[in-house]
């Protein structure tokens, strides 16, 4: 849950052309942010071609379309999956006709109050529904491939974003390294996103496997090249807006104890934790000798100019003999 008094950030993930990995980017960016300790919600606002649910293996009956048509509340359509909250869309044509995109702001307002980040998986191209999704967002993340048609359409989407007075917070170039045009810096310049987060996601068969299994690739194969790229995207996006997680990452261990004065002893040679002996055990092992700092400095010859190294060696030998 977002910190009290602070609403979460809302980003629309958009593309000018379908099939470029927009929904895949939304899913994996969301899970990567959650792995970094953020509370994240994902909303499938592609009202005509919803497919975010499949990327998480969700089969819930209540969807965003039910909420937008007034038949359900946002909470009814929210599902927990892979550490994030997912609000899927419906693939039913009748529900598409009944959904009112104007109600989207109500859903987003509710989600941003309870989450640090809300990602809107917007539709491809230019339409009223897409414009509504961008209008309720704080910024837009553009997703494209290096193909000419995809770049052209992404540029048009960027122009729409500019007219809506929304900043482009980043650009994601998918399926790079497959023999296509991979001048990422040149592409970013063409899109006008050189000052925003720019991440290249390489062509990776692990993504195809993850889609078939209904699991985000950052969870299924976290060491794969694509998963690492999405991790970089999450870290870069958070850093670019000064966003820090309000809680430790989910996989971190709480090493705190009830005793505020507790201390963990570590073997300097092996790095393994050692049990902290109580006073009785310490007394049983032998006395503890105290050497005043003045005596140590005098024997070390810190203030002397001659034979300093030799004196320090003698001091070390003396302390060692007393403690052995």
Protein backbone atom coordinates (compact mmCIF):
# COMPACT_ATOMS: atom_id res chain seq x y z
CA UNK A 1 0.00 0.00 0.00
CA UNK A 2 1.26 3.47 -0.83
CA UNK A 3 2.44 5.62 2.04
CA UNK A 4 -0.20 7.62 3.85
CA UNK A 5 -0.87 10.97 2.22
CA UNK A 6 0.88 10.02 -1.00
CA UNK A 7 -0.87 8.71 -4.08
CA UNK A 8 0.82 6.25 -6.39
CA UNK A 9 2.12 6.95 -9.87
CA UNK A 10 0.05 5.98 -12.91
CA UNK A 11 1.75 5.12 -16.20
CA UNK A 12 0.09 4.16 -19.45
CA UNK A 13 2.01 1.59 -21.50
CA UNK A 14 1.19 2.31 -25.14
CA UNK A 15 2.23 1.43 -28.67
CA UNK A 16 1.28 2.58 -32.10
CA UNK A 17 1.06 -0.93 -33.49
CA UNK A 18 -0.17 -4.23 -32.11
CA UNK A 19 2.06 -7.24 -31.54
CA UNK A 20 5.14 -5.34 -30.37
CA UNK A 21 5.16 -6.70 -26.81
CA UNK A 22 3.19 -3.98 -25.05
CA UNK A 23 1.20 -6.30 -22.77
CA UNK A 24 4.29 -8.43 -22.14
CA UNK A 25 6.17 -5.30 -21.13
CA UNK A 26 3.33 -4.21 -18.84
CA UNK A 27 3.22 -7.59 -17.10
CA UNK A 28 6.96 -7.98 -16.63
CA UNK A 29 7.60 -4.36 -15.67
CA UNK A 30 4.89 -4.65 -13.04
CA UNK A 31 6.27 -7.86 -11.54
CA UNK A 32 9.83 -6.48 -11.63
CA UNK A 33 8.70 -3.38 -9.72
CA UNK A 34 6.91 -5.60 -7.20
CA UNK A 35 10.09 -7.65 -6.77
CA UNK A 36 11.85 -4.39 -5.93
CA UNK A 37 9.42 -3.75 -3.08
CA UNK A 38 6.67 -1.65 -4.65
CA UNK A 39 2.93 -2.24 -4.42
CA UNK A 40 1.85 -2.54 -8.04
CA UNK A 41 -1.48 -2.76 -9.88
CA UNK A 42 -1.92 -3.61 -13.57
CA UNK A 43 -5.07 -2.71 -15.50
CA UNK A 44 -5.95 -4.03 -18.95
CA UNK A 45 -7.49 -0.95 -20.57
CA UNK A 46 -7.26 -2.38 -24.08
CA UNK A 47 -11.05 -2.58 -24.15
CA UNK A 48 -11.25 -4.13 -27.62
CA UNK A 49 -8.39 -6.66 -27.46
CA UNK A 50 -7.77 -7.49 -23.81
CA UNK A 51 -5.11 -10.15 -23.22
CA UNK A 52 -3.29 -9.25 -19.99
CA UNK A 53 -5.10 -11.98 -18.04
CA UNK A 54 -3.55 -14.71 -20.18
CA UNK A 55 -0.04 -13.55 -19.35
CA UNK A 56 -0.79 -14.30 -15.69
CA UNK A 57 -2.89 -17.41 -16.23
CA UNK A 58 -5.97 -15.70 -14.79
CA UNK A 59 -9.49 -16.95 -15.50
CA UNK A 60 -11.60 -14.65 -13.29
CA UNK A 61 -15.21 -14.00 -14.27
CA UNK A 62 -15.37 -10.34 -13.18
CA UNK A 63 -13.36 -7.92 -15.34
CA UNK A 64 -12.72 -4.24 -15.91
CA UNK A 65 -15.57 -4.26 -18.43
CA UNK A 66 -17.99 -5.16 -15.62
CA UNK A 67 -16.69 -2.23 -13.61
CA UNK A 68 -16.95 0.22 -16.51
CA UNK A 69 -20.50 -0.89 -17.24
CA UNK A 70 -21.50 -0.37 -13.59
CA UNK A 71 -22.04 -4.05 -12.76
CA UNK A 72 -19.10 -4.48 -10.36
CA UNK A 73 -16.73 -2.53 -8.14
CA UNK A 74 -12.98 -2.19 -8.82
CA UNK A 75 -12.28 -4.53 -5.89
CA UNK A 76 -14.47 -7.23 -7.46
CA UNK A 77 -12.34 -7.24 -10.59
CA UNK A 78 -8.94 -7.20 -8.83
CA UNK A 79 -6.90 -10.41 -8.61
CA UNK A 80 -3.58 -11.17 -6.92
CA UNK A 81 -1.01 -12.82 -9.17
CA UNK A 82 2.79 -13.01 -9.01
CA UNK A 83 2.99 -10.31 -6.36
CA UNK A 84 0.87 -7.73 -8.19
CA UNK A 85 -2.80 -6.76 -8.40
CA UNK A 86 -4.27 -7.45 -11.83
CA UNK A 87 -7.52 -5.98 -13.16
CA UNK A 88 -8.09 -7.95 -16.40
CA UNK A 89 -10.30 -7.02 -19.31
CA UNK A 90 -12.93 -9.07 -21.11
CA UNK A 91 -12.75 -10.52 -24.61
CA UNK A 92 -16.53 -10.57 -24.95
CA UNK A 93 -17.77 -8.27 -27.72
CA UNK A 94 -21.03 -7.48 -25.94
CA UNK A 95 -19.19 -6.32 -22.85
CA UNK A 96 -16.94 -4.19 -25.02
CA UNK A 97 -20.00 -2.37 -26.34
CA UNK A 98 -21.37 -1.80 -22.83
CA UNK A 99 -18.13 -0.54 -21.26
CA UNK A 100 -17.92 3.20 -20.70
CA UNK A 101 -14.31 4.39 -20.88
CA UNK A 102 -15.28 7.61 -19.10
CA UNK A 103 -15.52 5.62 -15.85
CA UNK A 104 -11.86 4.62 -16.08
CA UNK A 105 -10.79 7.55 -13.91
CA UNK A 106 -12.82 6.11 -11.02
CA UNK A 107 -10.97 2.81 -11.23
CA UNK A 108 -7.57 4.49 -11.47
CA UNK A 109 -8.30 6.82 -8.55
CA UNK A 110 -9.16 3.84 -6.37
CA UNK A 111 -6.06 1.87 -7.36
CA UNK A 112 -3.55 4.70 -7.08
CA UNK A 113 -4.68 5.31 -3.49
CA UNK A 114 -3.71 1.76 -2.53
CA UNK A 115 -0.63 1.19 -4.70
CA UNK A 116 2.73 2.78 -5.37
CA UNK A 117 2.52 2.20 -9.12
CA UNK A 118 -0.42 1.60 -11.44
CA UNK A 119 0.35 0.44 -15.00
CA UNK A 120 -2.34 0.79 -17.65
CA UNK A 121 -1.99 -1.65 -20.54
CA UNK A 122 -3.43 0.61 -23.23
CA UNK A 123 -4.56 -0.46 -26.66
CA UNK A 124 -2.52 -0.06 -29.82
CA UNK A 125 -3.05 2.74 -32.28
CA UNK A 126 -5.11 5.90 -31.86
CA UNK A 127 -8.65 5.80 -30.47
CA UNK A 128 -10.92 7.42 -27.90
CA UNK A 129 -10.34 4.59 -25.40
CA UNK A 130 -6.58 4.98 -25.69
CA UNK A 131 -6.80 8.73 -25.27
CA UNK A 132 -8.87 8.23 -22.11
CA UNK A 133 -6.24 5.87 -20.71
CA UNK A 134 -3.48 8.37 -21.35
CA UNK A 135 -5.50 11.26 -19.93
CA UNK A 136 -5.72 9.62 -16.49
CA UNK A 137 -2.01 8.71 -16.45
CA UNK A 138 0.88 10.73 -15.06
CA UNK A 139 3.12 9.67 -17.94
CA UNK A 140 3.37 7.30 -20.89
CA UNK A 141 5.81 4.50 -21.68
CA UNK A 142 6.10 3.80 -25.40
CA UNK A 143 6.77 0.27 -26.63
CA UNK A 144 7.93 -0.47 -30.16
CA UNK A 145 10.09 -2.74 -32.26
CA UNK A 146 12.74 -1.56 -34.68
CA UNK A 147 10.49 -2.19 -37.69
CA UNK A 148 9.71 0.89 -39.76
CA UNK A 149 5.92 0.53 -39.50
CA UNK A 150 6.09 0.11 -35.74
CA UNK A 151 8.35 3.14 -35.36
CA UNK A 152 6.08 5.28 -37.52
CA UNK A 153 3.01 4.33 -35.52
CA UNK A 154 4.83 4.82 -32.22
CA UNK A 155 5.79 8.31 -33.35
CA UNK A 156 2.12 9.10 -33.99
CA UNK A 157 1.26 7.83 -30.51
CA UNK A 158 3.97 10.06 -29.10
CA UNK A 159 2.40 13.03 -30.85
CA UNK A 160 -0.95 12.19 -29.24
CA UNK A 161 0.74 12.03 -25.86
CA UNK A 162 2.22 15.47 -26.48
CA UNK A 163 -1.18 16.93 -27.36
CA UNK A 164 -2.58 15.51 -24.11
CA UNK A 165 0.25 17.29 -22.29
CA UNK A 166 1.58 14.05 -20.84
CA UNK A 167 5.31 13.31 -20.58
CA UNK A 168 6.84 10.29 -22.26
CA UNK A 169 8.67 8.69 -19.32
CA UNK A 170 10.43 6.08 -21.42
CA UNK A 171 10.72 3.99 -24.54
CA UNK A 172 11.09 0.22 -24.69
CA UNK A 173 12.48 -1.41 -27.83
CA UNK A 174 11.55 -5.09 -27.97
CA UNK A 175 12.95 -8.08 -29.84
CA UNK A 176 16.26 -6.40 -30.60
CA UNK A 177 19.26 -8.41 -31.72
CA UNK A 178 17.29 -10.52 -34.21
CA UNK A 179 18.95 -9.07 -37.29
CA UNK A 180 16.77 -5.97 -37.53
CA UNK A 181 17.71 -2.33 -37.20
CA UNK A 182 19.04 -2.00 -33.66
CA UNK A 183 20.26 1.60 -33.52
CA UNK A 184 18.49 2.20 -30.21
CA UNK A 185 19.91 5.68 -29.75
CA UNK A 186 18.83 6.67 -33.25
CA UNK A 187 15.35 5.28 -32.66
CA UNK A 188 15.05 7.14 -29.37
CA UNK A 189 16.05 10.37 -31.12
CA UNK A 190 13.39 9.78 -33.78
CA UNK A 191 10.74 9.24 -31.09
CA UNK A 192 11.89 12.22 -29.09
CA UNK A 193 12.64 10.12 -26.02
CA UNK A 194 16.39 10.69 -25.67
CA UNK A 195 15.87 12.32 -22.27
CA UNK A 196 13.62 9.50 -21.02
CA UNK A 197 14.30 5.96 -19.87
CA UNK A 198 15.37 3.86 -22.83
CA UNK A 199 15.67 0.10 -22.54
CA UNK A 200 16.29 -2.54 -25.19
CA UNK A 201 14.69 -5.96 -24.60
CA UNK A 202 16.52 -8.59 -26.67
CA UNK A 203 14.88 -11.28 -28.75
CA UNK A 204 14.57 -14.18 -26.29
CA UNK A 205 12.80 -17.52 -26.65
CA UNK A 206 12.25 -17.45 -22.88
CA UNK A 207 9.54 -14.83 -23.48
CA UNK A 208 7.63 -17.15 -25.81
CA UNK A 209 7.84 -19.95 -23.25
CA UNK A 210 6.62 -17.64 -20.48
CA UNK A 211 3.62 -16.54 -22.55
CA UNK A 212 2.66 -20.16 -23.25
CA UNK A 213 2.89 -21.02 -19.57
CA UNK A 214 1.00 -17.94 -18.40
CA UNK A 215 3.89 -16.68 -16.27
CA UNK A 216 5.86 -13.42 -16.53
CA UNK A 217 9.37 -14.16 -17.77
CA UNK A 218 10.92 -12.26 -14.84
CA UNK A 219 9.48 -14.95 -12.56
CA UNK A 220 9.75 -18.01 -14.81
CA UNK A 221 13.34 -17.48 -15.98
CA UNK A 222 14.75 -14.54 -14.00
CA UNK A 223 18.27 -15.00 -15.38
CA UNK A 224 17.22 -14.83 -19.03
CA UNK A 225 18.34 -11.82 -21.10
CA UNK A 226 14.78 -10.51 -21.47
CA UNK A 227 14.07 -10.82 -17.74
CA UNK A 228 17.22 -8.90 -16.90
CA UNK A 229 16.22 -6.18 -19.36
CA UNK A 230 12.83 -5.80 -17.67
CA UNK A 231 14.57 -5.63 -14.30
CA UNK A 232 16.72 -2.79 -15.65
CA UNK A 233 13.61 -1.07 -16.95
CA UNK A 234 11.97 -1.23 -13.52
CA UNK A 235 15.06 0.11 -11.76
CA UNK A 236 15.60 2.87 -14.32
CA UNK A 237 11.98 3.98 -14.26
CA UNK A 238 11.89 4.14 -10.46
CA UNK A 239 15.18 6.04 -10.36
CA UNK A 240 14.13 8.53 -13.06
CA UNK A 241 11.20 9.77 -10.98
CA UNK A 242 12.86 9.44 -7.59
CA UNK A 243 10.64 6.59 -6.51
CA UNK A 244 11.89 4.44 -3.63
CA UNK A 245 10.19 1.32 -2.28
CA UNK A 246 8.39 1.86 1.03
CA UNK A 247 9.17 -1.71 2.08
CA UNK A 248 12.00 -4.22 1.57
CA UNK A 249 11.81 -6.42 -1.55
CA UNK A 250 9.64 -9.50 -1.18
CA UNK A 251 12.60 -11.90 -1.28
CA UNK A 252 14.62 -10.07 1.38
CA UNK A 253 14.95 -11.64 4.80
CA UNK A 254 14.16 -9.80 8.01
CA UNK A 255 17.23 -10.22 10.15
CA UNK A 256 15.98 -7.98 12.94
CA UNK A 257 15.40 -9.39 16.42
CA UNK A 258 13.34 -8.37 19.40
CA UNK A 259 16.54 -7.55 21.27
CA UNK A 260 17.73 -4.20 19.96
CA UNK A 261 21.19 -4.85 21.45
CA UNK A 262 21.63 -8.23 19.78
CA UNK A 263 24.82 -8.71 17.80
CA UNK A 264 25.66 -11.36 15.25
CA UNK A 265 29.18 -12.72 15.33
CA UNK A 266 30.68 -13.68 11.97
CA UNK A 267 33.75 -15.86 11.45
CA UNK A 268 36.24 -13.65 9.55
CA UNK A 269 37.66 -16.65 7.68
CA UNK A 270 34.50 -18.47 6.63
CA UNK A 271 31.91 -15.68 6.77
CA UNK A 272 29.59 -17.99 8.72
CA UNK A 273 27.49 -16.74 11.62
CA UNK A 274 28.74 -17.72 15.06
CA UNK A 275 26.60 -18.08 18.20
CA UNK A 276 26.83 -15.15 20.58
CA UNK A 277 28.20 -16.59 23.86
CA UNK A 278 26.77 -15.23 27.08
CA UNK A 279 28.90 -13.87 29.89
CA UNK A 280 29.21 -17.23 31.69
CA UNK A 281 30.53 -18.93 28.56
CA UNK A 282 32.93 -16.06 28.00
CA UNK A 283 34.28 -16.40 31.53
CA UNK A 284 34.69 -20.14 31.05
CA UNK A 285 36.86 -19.62 27.97
CA UNK A 286 39.29 -17.40 29.83
CA UNK A 287 39.76 -13.85 31.10
CA UNK A 288 39.58 -10.78 28.94
CA UNK A 289 42.64 -8.55 29.18
CA UNK A 290 42.28 -4.80 28.87
CA UNK A 291 45.00 -2.70 27.31
CA UNK A 292 44.67 1.05 27.62
CA UNK A 293 44.71 3.08 24.42
CA UNK A 294 47.58 5.14 25.84
CA UNK A 295 49.66 2.01 26.37
CA UNK A 296 48.88 0.73 22.89
CA UNK A 297 49.83 4.05 21.29
CA UNK A 298 53.02 4.24 23.31
CA UNK A 299 54.08 0.73 22.38
CA UNK A 300 53.11 1.28 18.76
CA UNK A 301 55.28 4.37 18.62
CA UNK A 302 52.67 6.39 16.77
CA UNK A 303 54.26 9.65 17.89
CA UNK A 304 57.78 8.43 17.25
CA UNK A 305 59.56 8.73 13.93
CA UNK A 306 61.90 5.75 14.31
CA UNK A 307 61.30 2.02 14.38
CA UNK A 308 57.50 2.51 14.11
CA UNK A 309 56.93 -0.63 12.10
CA UNK A 310 58.90 -2.78 14.52
CA UNK A 311 57.01 -1.43 17.54
CA UNK A 312 53.68 -2.15 15.87
CA UNK A 313 54.75 -5.73 15.24
CA UNK A 314 55.69 -6.13 18.88
CA UNK A 315 52.33 -4.72 19.95
CA UNK A 316 50.51 -7.16 17.70
CA UNK A 317 52.51 -10.07 19.12
CA UNK A 318 51.78 -8.97 22.69
CA UNK A 319 48.02 -8.69 22.12
CA UNK A 320 47.98 -11.97 20.29
CA UNK A 321 49.80 -13.77 23.11
CA UNK A 322 47.45 -12.39 25.75
CA UNK A 323 44.32 -13.46 23.89
CA UNK A 324 45.54 -16.87 22.78
